[in-house]
Protein backbone atom coordinates (compact mmCIF):
# COMPACT_ATOMS: atom_id res chain seq x y z
CA UNK A 1 25.94 8.17 -21.76
CA UNK A 2 23.21 8.02 -19.14
CA UNK A 3 20.25 5.68 -19.57
CA UNK A 4 16.77 7.20 -19.47
CA UNK A 5 14.28 5.92 -16.89
CA UNK A 6 10.55 6.56 -16.53
CA UNK A 7 8.92 5.72 -13.20
CA UNK A 8 5.11 5.74 -13.35
CA UNK A 9 3.09 6.66 -10.26
CA UNK A 10 -0.31 7.99 -9.26
CA UNK A 11 0.10 10.65 -6.54
CA UNK A 12 2.53 11.33 -3.72
CA UNK A 13 -0.04 10.78 -0.98
CA UNK A 14 1.29 9.73 2.42
CA UNK A 15 0.94 5.98 1.87
CA UNK A 16 3.01 2.82 1.60
CA UNK A 17 3.80 2.74 -2.13
CA UNK A 18 4.81 6.39 -2.05
CA UNK A 19 7.02 5.87 0.99
CA UNK A 20 8.60 2.82 -0.65
CA UNK A 21 9.29 4.82 -3.80
CA UNK A 22 11.02 7.59 -1.85
CA UNK A 23 13.37 5.09 -0.22
CA UNK A 24 14.02 3.40 -3.57
CA UNK A 25 14.70 6.78 -5.19
CA UNK A 26 17.07 7.81 -2.40
CA UNK A 27 19.07 4.59 -2.12
CA UNK A 28 18.73 2.42 -5.23
CA UNK A 29 19.37 4.78 -8.15
CA UNK A 30 22.79 6.06 -9.23
CA UNK A 31 21.92 9.42 -10.77
CA UNK A 32 25.33 9.51 -12.40
CA UNK A 33 24.17 6.63 -14.59
CA UNK A 34 20.47 7.38 -15.03
CA UNK A 35 18.29 10.32 -16.03
CA UNK A 36 15.01 9.76 -14.20
CA UNK A 37 11.52 11.09 -14.94
CA UNK A 38 8.65 10.47 -12.52
CA UNK A 39 5.31 10.52 -14.32
CA UNK A 40 2.44 11.02 -11.86
CA UNK A 41 -1.24 10.82 -12.70
CA UNK A 42 -1.64 13.89 -10.49
CA UNK A 43 1.17 16.08 -9.18
CA UNK A 44 -0.18 16.23 -5.63
CA UNK A 45 0.19 14.65 -2.20
CA UNK A 46 1.84 15.19 1.18
CA UNK A 47 5.12 13.58 0.04
CA UNK A 48 5.55 15.63 -3.14
CA UNK A 49 8.26 17.82 -1.61
CA UNK A 50 10.31 14.76 -0.62
CA UNK A 51 11.09 13.64 -4.16
CA UNK A 52 14.87 13.80 -4.79
CA UNK A 53 15.91 16.90 -6.70
CA UNK A 54 17.60 14.77 -9.38
CA UNK A 55 14.19 13.47 -10.55
CA UNK A 56 12.13 15.44 -13.05
CA UNK A 57 8.44 15.31 -12.05
CA UNK A 58 5.83 15.15 -14.83
CA UNK A 59 2.08 14.59 -14.83
CA UNK A 60 -0.61 13.23 -17.14
CA UNK A 61 -2.75 16.37 -17.13
CA UNK A 62 -6.50 15.87 -17.18
CA UNK A 63 -6.13 12.20 -18.16
CA UNK A 64 -4.67 11.55 -14.72
CA UNK A 65 -8.22 11.64 -13.35
CA UNK A 66 -8.67 8.09 -14.64
CA UNK A 67 -6.11 6.77 -12.17
CA UNK A 68 -8.29 8.06 -9.31
CA UNK A 69 -11.46 6.39 -10.62
CA UNK A 70 -13.60 4.84 -7.88
CA UNK A 71 -17.26 4.09 -7.24
CA UNK A 72 -18.00 7.68 -6.31
CA UNK A 73 -16.71 9.31 -9.51
CA UNK A 74 -17.06 6.37 -11.93
CA UNK A 75 -20.19 7.63 -13.71
CA UNK A 76 -18.83 11.12 -14.35
CA UNK A 77 -15.49 9.80 -15.63
CA UNK A 78 -17.17 7.22 -17.87
CA UNK A 79 -19.27 9.98 -19.41
CA UNK A 80 -16.31 12.38 -19.74
CA UNK A 81 -13.65 10.00 -21.07
CA UNK A 82 -15.82 7.29 -22.60
CA UNK A 83 -19.00 8.74 -24.02
CA UNK A 84 -18.22 12.39 -24.77
CA UNK A 85 -14.81 11.82 -26.34
CA UNK A 86 -15.79 8.76 -28.34
CA UNK A 87 -19.47 7.68 -28.29
CA UNK A 88 -18.55 4.40 -30.01
CA UNK A 89 -16.58 3.46 -26.89
CA UNK A 90 -19.88 3.18 -25.01
CA UNK A 91 -20.59 0.02 -27.04
CA UNK A 92 -17.38 -1.50 -25.69
CA UNK A 93 -18.10 -0.32 -22.14
CA UNK A 94 -21.71 -1.47 -22.02
CA UNK A 95 -21.18 -5.25 -21.46
CA UNK A 96 -18.83 -4.66 -18.53
CA UNK A 97 -21.01 -1.90 -17.06
CA UNK A 98 -23.93 -4.33 -17.21
CA UNK A 99 -21.88 -7.04 -15.46
CA UNK A 100 -20.79 -4.55 -12.80
CA UNK A 101 -24.43 -3.62 -12.12
CA UNK A 102 -26.08 -7.05 -12.34
CA UNK A 103 -23.65 -9.77 -11.26
CA UNK A 104 -23.96 -10.99 -7.69
CA UNK A 105 -20.43 -12.29 -7.34
CA UNK A 106 -17.98 -9.75 -5.87
CA UNK A 107 -15.27 -11.36 -7.98
CA UNK A 108 -17.20 -10.84 -11.23
CA UNK A 109 -17.98 -7.25 -10.26
CA UNK A 110 -14.27 -6.61 -9.60
CA UNK A 111 -13.24 -8.14 -12.92
CA UNK A 112 -15.83 -6.00 -14.73
CA UNK A 113 -14.56 -2.85 -12.98
CA UNK A 114 -11.01 -3.59 -14.17
CA UNK A 115 -12.25 -4.08 -17.73
CA UNK A 116 -14.16 -0.77 -17.61
CA UNK A 117 -11.01 1.01 -16.50
CA UNK A 118 -8.96 -0.68 -19.22
CA UNK A 119 -11.42 0.44 -21.91
CA UNK A 120 -11.25 4.03 -20.68
CA UNK A 121 -7.45 3.88 -20.45
CA UNK A 122 -7.24 2.72 -24.06
CA UNK A 123 -8.53 6.15 -25.06
CA UNK A 124 -5.53 7.89 -23.46
CA UNK A 125 -2.82 9.20 -25.77
CA UNK A 126 0.48 7.33 -25.72
CA UNK A 127 3.39 8.93 -23.86
CA UNK A 128 5.55 10.45 -26.56
CA UNK A 129 9.08 10.20 -25.18
CA UNK A 130 10.79 6.77 -25.45
CA UNK A 131 12.93 5.42 -22.59
CA UNK A 132 15.54 2.80 -21.95
CA UNK A 133 13.73 1.59 -18.83
CA UNK A 134 10.13 2.01 -17.63
CA UNK A 135 9.10 1.12 -14.10
CA UNK A 136 5.43 0.82 -13.07
CA UNK A 137 5.94 1.39 -9.35
CA UNK A 138 2.36 1.92 -8.18
CA UNK A 139 0.93 -1.46 -9.18
CA UNK A 140 -2.02 -2.47 -11.38
CA UNK A 141 -3.06 0.65 -13.23
CA UNK A 142 0.47 1.95 -13.72
CA UNK A 143 1.45 -1.44 -15.19
CA UNK A 144 -1.47 -1.42 -17.66
CA UNK A 145 -0.53 2.11 -18.71
CA UNK A 146 3.17 1.26 -19.03
CA UNK A 147 2.54 -1.76 -21.24
CA UNK A 148 0.01 -0.05 -23.53
CA UNK A 149 1.13 3.57 -23.60
CA UNK A 150 4.89 3.76 -22.99
CA UNK A 151 7.76 2.87 -25.32
CA UNK A 152 10.74 1.43 -23.45
CA UNK A 153 13.45 -1.14 -24.12
CA UNK A 154 12.83 -2.76 -20.73
CA UNK A 155 9.65 -2.72 -18.67
CA UNK A 156 9.38 -3.58 -14.98
CA UNK A 157 6.14 -4.07 -13.02
CA UNK A 158 6.20 -3.60 -9.23
CA UNK A 159 3.65 -5.30 -6.96
CA UNK A 160 3.19 -3.93 -3.43
CA UNK A 161 0.09 -6.09 -2.94
CA UNK A 162 -0.92 -9.72 -2.55
CA UNK A 163 -1.92 -10.75 -6.07
CA UNK A 164 -4.78 -13.02 -4.95
CA UNK A 165 -6.41 -10.64 -2.45
CA UNK A 166 -8.73 -9.32 -3.67
CA UNK A 167 -9.11 -11.77 -6.59
CA UNK A 168 -7.78 -10.65 -9.95
CA UNK A 169 -8.58 -11.86 -13.45
CA UNK A 170 -5.73 -14.25 -14.28
CA UNK A 171 -6.12 -14.04 -18.07
CA UNK A 172 -5.86 -10.24 -18.02
CA UNK A 173 -2.94 -10.06 -15.62
CA UNK A 174 -0.97 -12.86 -17.27
CA UNK A 175 -1.22 -11.00 -20.57
CA UNK A 176 0.25 -7.83 -19.04
CA UNK A 177 2.84 -9.51 -16.83
CA UNK A 178 4.04 -11.42 -19.90
CA UNK A 179 4.67 -8.09 -21.65
CA UNK A 180 7.05 -7.04 -18.84
CA UNK A 181 10.71 -8.00 -18.56
CA UNK A 182 10.54 -8.22 -14.75
CA UNK A 183 7.74 -8.55 -12.20
CA UNK A 184 8.89 -7.39 -8.76
CA UNK A 185 7.19 -8.50 -5.54
CA UNK A 186 8.00 -7.24 -2.03
CA UNK A 187 7.75 -10.57 -0.19
CA UNK A 188 8.80 -14.17 -0.69
CA UNK A 189 5.31 -15.31 0.30
CA UNK A 190 3.76 -13.01 -2.29
CA UNK A 191 6.20 -14.29 -4.91
CA UNK A 192 5.18 -17.89 -4.25
CA UNK A 193 1.50 -16.96 -4.31
CA UNK A 194 1.94 -15.26 -7.69
CA UNK A 195 3.89 -18.20 -9.11
CA UNK A 196 1.14 -20.61 -8.09
CA UNK A 197 -1.51 -18.43 -9.70
CA UNK A 198 0.44 -17.67 -12.90
CA UNK A 199 3.20 -20.28 -13.35
CA UNK A 200 3.96 -19.18 -16.91
CA UNK A 201 5.43 -15.86 -15.69
CA UNK A 202 7.49 -17.44 -12.87
CA UNK A 203 10.86 -16.84 -14.61
CA UNK A 204 10.16 -13.09 -14.68
CA UNK A 205 9.43 -12.76 -10.94
CA UNK A 206 11.95 -11.31 -8.50
CA UNK A 207 11.44 -10.45 -4.83
CA UNK A 208 12.84 -7.10 -3.70
CA UNK A 209 12.36 -6.15 -0.08
CA UNK A 210 11.22 -2.60 0.58
CA UNK A 211 14.13 -0.38 1.52
CA UNK A 212 13.68 1.08 4.99
CA UNK A 213 16.11 3.75 6.17
CA UNK A 214 16.68 2.79 9.80
CA UNK A 215 18.86 5.76 10.71
CA UNK A 216 16.35 8.24 9.29
CA UNK A 217 13.47 6.64 11.20
CA UNK A 218 15.38 6.66 14.49
CA UNK A 219 16.37 10.29 13.96
CA UNK A 220 12.84 11.39 13.03
CA UNK A 221 11.38 9.53 16.01
CA UNK A 222 13.20 11.91 18.37
CA UNK A 223 10.67 14.66 17.62
CA UNK A 224 7.66 15.12 19.89
CA UNK A 225 4.25 13.55 19.34
CA UNK A 226 1.01 15.43 20.01
CA UNK A 227 -1.80 12.94 20.56
CA UNK A 228 -4.23 15.75 21.33
CA UNK A 229 -5.17 14.43 24.78
CA UNK A 230 -3.77 13.69 28.23
CA UNK A 231 -4.46 9.95 28.12
CA UNK A 232 -2.29 7.95 30.54
CA UNK A 233 -3.19 4.36 29.67
CA UNK A 234 -2.03 1.91 26.99
CA UNK A 235 -1.71 3.60 23.62
CA UNK A 236 -2.19 1.57 20.43
CA UNK A 237 -1.08 3.17 17.15
CA UNK A 238 -1.87 2.20 13.55
CA UNK A 239 -0.57 3.97 10.47
CA UNK A 240 -2.21 3.59 7.09
CA UNK A 241 -4.86 4.67 4.63
CA UNK A 242 -8.47 4.57 5.85
CA UNK A 243 -10.13 1.95 3.64
CA UNK A 244 -11.73 -1.47 3.87
CA UNK A 245 -8.47 -3.28 3.17
CA UNK A 246 -6.91 -2.02 6.40
CA UNK A 247 -9.54 -3.68 8.62
CA UNK A 248 -10.23 -0.73 10.91
CA UNK A 249 -13.90 -1.73 11.02
CA UNK A 250 -12.83 -5.06 12.55
CA UNK A 251 -10.60 -3.42 15.15
CA UNK A 252 -13.03 -0.74 16.37
CA UNK A 253 -15.45 -3.15 18.12
CA UNK A 254 -12.49 -5.14 19.50
CA UNK A 255 -11.03 -2.01 21.12
CA UNK A 256 -14.49 -0.94 22.31
CA UNK A 257 -15.00 -4.32 24.04
CA UNK A 258 -11.68 -4.03 25.84
CA UNK A 259 -12.47 -0.50 26.96
CA UNK A 260 -15.87 -1.63 28.26
CA UNK A 261 -14.16 -4.44 30.20
CA UNK A 262 -12.10 -1.84 32.03
CA UNK A 263 -8.79 -1.97 30.23
CA UNK A 264 -7.11 1.48 30.07
CA UNK A 265 -6.65 1.46 26.30
CA UNK A 266 -6.94 3.94 23.44
CA UNK A 267 -6.30 3.42 19.74
CA UNK A 268 -4.88 6.16 17.48
CA UNK A 269 -5.16 5.96 13.69
CA UNK A 270 -2.61 7.92 11.62
CA UNK A 271 -4.08 8.22 8.15
CA UNK A 272 -6.85 9.47 5.94
CA UNK A 273 -9.11 8.12 3.20
CA UNK A 274 -11.88 9.16 0.89
CA UNK A 275 -14.79 11.12 2.36
CA UNK A 276 -16.97 7.98 2.16
CA UNK A 277 -14.40 5.77 3.90
CA UNK A 278 -13.78 8.32 6.65
CA UNK A 279 -17.51 8.73 7.20
CA UNK A 280 -17.99 4.97 7.36
CA UNK A 281 -15.24 4.69 9.99
CA UNK A 282 -16.74 7.54 12.03
CA UNK A 283 -20.14 5.82 11.92
CA UNK A 284 -18.55 2.54 13.00
CA UNK A 285 -16.92 4.28 15.96
CA UNK A 286 -20.24 5.85 16.97
CA UNK A 287 -22.15 2.59 16.56
CA UNK A 288 -19.69 0.86 18.88
CA UNK A 289 -19.80 3.78 21.34
CA UNK A 290 -16.04 3.97 21.04
CA UNK A 291 -15.58 7.74 20.75
CA UNK A 292 -13.40 7.79 23.88
CA UNK A 293 -11.44 4.68 22.79
CA UNK A 294 -10.56 5.50 19.16
CA UNK A 295 -8.98 8.69 17.84
CA UNK A 296 -8.37 9.43 14.14
CA UNK A 297 -5.43 11.83 13.95
CA UNK A 298 -5.12 12.08 10.16
CA UNK A 299 -1.87 12.03 8.21
CA UNK A 300 1.29 13.01 10.05
CA UNK A 301 4.27 14.00 7.93
CA UNK A 302 6.44 12.59 10.69
CA UNK A 303 4.56 9.64 12.20
CA UNK A 304 7.56 8.07 13.93
CA UNK A 305 7.31 9.91 17.27
CA UNK A 306 3.74 8.57 17.55
CA UNK A 307 4.90 5.00 16.95
CA UNK A 308 7.80 5.48 19.36
CA UNK A 309 5.47 6.74 22.10
CA UNK A 310 2.95 3.93 21.54
CA UNK A 311 2.75 0.87 23.78
CA UNK A 312 1.52 -1.36 20.93
CA UNK A 313 1.65 -1.10 17.15
CA UNK A 314 -1.33 -2.76 15.42
CA UNK A 315 -1.93 -3.66 11.75
CA UNK A 316 -5.46 -5.16 11.50
CA UNK A 317 -5.50 -5.54 7.69
CA UNK A 318 -7.62 -7.90 5.62
CA UNK A 319 -4.81 -8.22 3.07
CA UNK A 320 -1.40 -6.67 2.47
CA UNK A 321 1.74 -6.98 0.41
CA UNK A 322 4.40 -6.43 3.06
CA UNK A 323 3.49 -3.24 4.93
CA UNK A 324 6.33 -0.79 5.47
CA UNK A 325 4.66 0.53 8.63
CA UNK A 326 5.24 -2.83 10.34
CA UNK A 327 8.91 -2.74 9.31
CA UNK A 328 9.13 0.74 10.82
CA UNK A 329 7.52 -0.43 14.06
CA UNK A 330 10.11 -3.22 14.17
CA UNK A 331 12.91 -0.67 13.90
CA UNK A 332 11.36 1.25 16.81
CA UNK A 333 11.13 -2.03 18.80
CA UNK A 334 7.39 -1.80 19.48
CA UNK A 335 5.25 -4.78 20.54
CA UNK A 336 3.44 -5.55 17.28
CA UNK A 337 0.07 -7.16 16.60
CA UNK A 338 -0.90 -7.98 13.02
CA UNK A 339 -3.62 -10.02 11.38
CA UNK A 340 -2.70 -13.06 9.30
CA UNK A 341 -2.28 -11.42 5.89
CA UNK A 342 -0.20 -13.44 3.44
CA UNK A 343 3.25 -12.12 4.37
CA UNK A 344 2.61 -11.75 8.13
CA UNK A 345 4.49 -14.93 9.06
CA UNK A 346 7.48 -13.95 6.96
CA UNK A 347 7.44 -10.39 8.30
CA UNK A 348 7.24 -11.36 12.00
CA UNK A 349 9.21 -14.59 11.72
CA UNK A 350 6.08 -16.66 12.40
CA UNK A 351 5.40 -15.04 15.75
CA UNK A 352 8.93 -14.53 17.08
CA UNK A 353 8.81 -10.77 16.46
CA UNK A 354 5.13 -10.09 17.22
CA UNK A 355 1.63 -11.52 17.63
CA UNK A 356 -0.26 -12.75 14.56
CA UNK A 357 -4.04 -13.05 14.97
CA UNK A 358 -6.99 -14.18 12.87
CA UNK A 359 -8.40 -11.62 10.45
CA UNK A 360 -11.52 -11.00 12.52
CA UNK A 361 -12.90 -8.89 15.32
CA UNK A 362 -12.48 -11.82 17.71
CA UNK A 363 -8.90 -12.44 16.63
CA UNK A 364 -7.94 -8.79 17.12
CA UNK A 365 -9.75 -8.69 20.48
CA UNK A 366 -7.93 -11.78 21.77
CA UNK A 367 -4.55 -10.60 20.52
CA UNK A 368 -4.87 -7.18 22.13
CA UNK A 369 -6.15 -8.74 25.34
CA UNK A 370 -3.04 -10.94 25.50
CA UNK A 371 -0.88 -7.84 25.31
CA UNK A 372 -2.97 -5.88 27.83
CA UNK A 373 -2.97 -8.70 30.36
CA UNK A 374 0.71 -9.50 29.99
CA UNK A 375 3.14 -6.61 30.20
CA UNK A 376 6.03 -9.09 30.27
CA UNK A 377 4.95 -10.34 26.83
CA UNK A 378 5.12 -6.83 25.45
CA UNK A 379 8.58 -6.34 26.92
CA UNK A 380 9.70 -9.70 25.53
CA UNK A 381 8.81 -8.71 21.98
CA UNK A 382 10.47 -5.30 22.35
CA UNK A 383 13.60 -6.94 23.71
CA UNK A 384 13.72 -9.49 20.88
CA UNK A 385 13.41 -6.73 18.31
CA UNK A 386 16.14 -4.64 19.95
CA UNK A 387 18.54 -7.61 20.06
CA UNK A 388 18.01 -9.00 16.56
CA UNK A 389 20.55 -8.45 13.84
CA UNK A 390 19.23 -5.92 11.37
CA UNK A 391 20.30 -6.57 7.80
CA UNK A 392 20.69 -3.55 5.57
CA UNK A 393 18.65 -3.57 2.37
CA UNK A 394 20.84 -3.01 -0.70
CA UNK A 395 18.94 -3.13 -3.97
CA UNK A 396 20.14 -1.20 -6.97
CA UNK A 397 18.44 -0.55 -10.28
CA UNK A 398 21.10 -2.59 -12.11
CA UNK A 399 20.12 -5.65 -10.06
CA UNK A 400 16.54 -5.44 -11.26
CA UNK A 401 17.68 -5.37 -14.88
CA UNK A 402 20.08 -8.29 -14.52
CA UNK A 403 19.47 -10.26 -11.30
CA UNK A 404 22.03 -13.00 -12.16
């Protein structure tokens, strides 16, 4: 008899967690052994049509709005799901709302925001169907929901992020991690960071590298790329969501400086974000007078031809788990520049497979300048990547349940 599995997600937007899930779903699940439901907060996103046909896709209905809560819609959702549905809940929300509005510390504000979300989530109905296995694949909010609202014999939390960046409330997270049978991280460095922060859950932690389908990437990269211009200089490409975490605001002035110094360089961003984040990036580009040096191309369903045609792949993030886009750039043998997020050394073998710079405008500027001034250095990194032995990722659902 097949075992039942519930995988909990948010949307199928074109982003790292979603891409990781698709590879996991395609390569790590034996559908002869498992019946799989995917429960999304919202049944939407550019990758929705890529979900394997063996998976039944469900959604949370109107309650899924809570998983998209941010600063822009927080007030309306608090009123809708907190005050209108249960006025008494306002008494529970009020202390954390007050902290969010009055505390100066960014850490305290973040902790208060998590608590507000948790209080609203507590009002959600429990998921009715029980499962053998539940998997919270999209991180924080899906884990909280899984622990509190889903009945399953085994529960697995999946972290695609660096636990300590931004700071998280240890007491809250330890409580929820302790309720899980496994806590999966995507990097050895992230695993060690989590163990240092929460040593009591160390026995539950397992590192599982993201599955990257090399043959599929190489095949897809054979398509053509339309950059929308006739630029003939050095093309830099970055793929990822437009948000503060990704550090685009640090890279814009760095690229603008290099352009002003006469380097024939242009940076292309493959991704999108909220209206506010996209507007902030556009304003940053204008403020740096970098309109001719930075181009935002939006989401591309097939980004690989753009990476293949690039001269440099750049990941200027403030913090990351272990970004799949960098793994994909490695497969396409691109010279890579990343900032020193927690797993950067592990991912680029401490500089053997690419440049690692400080997480700053100056660090990005100096790293790019090294590449622009030294074509031989770019070729060296590409050659090293093309010659290295690529190990195939083989992780199966059974391994997560019994890693011994």
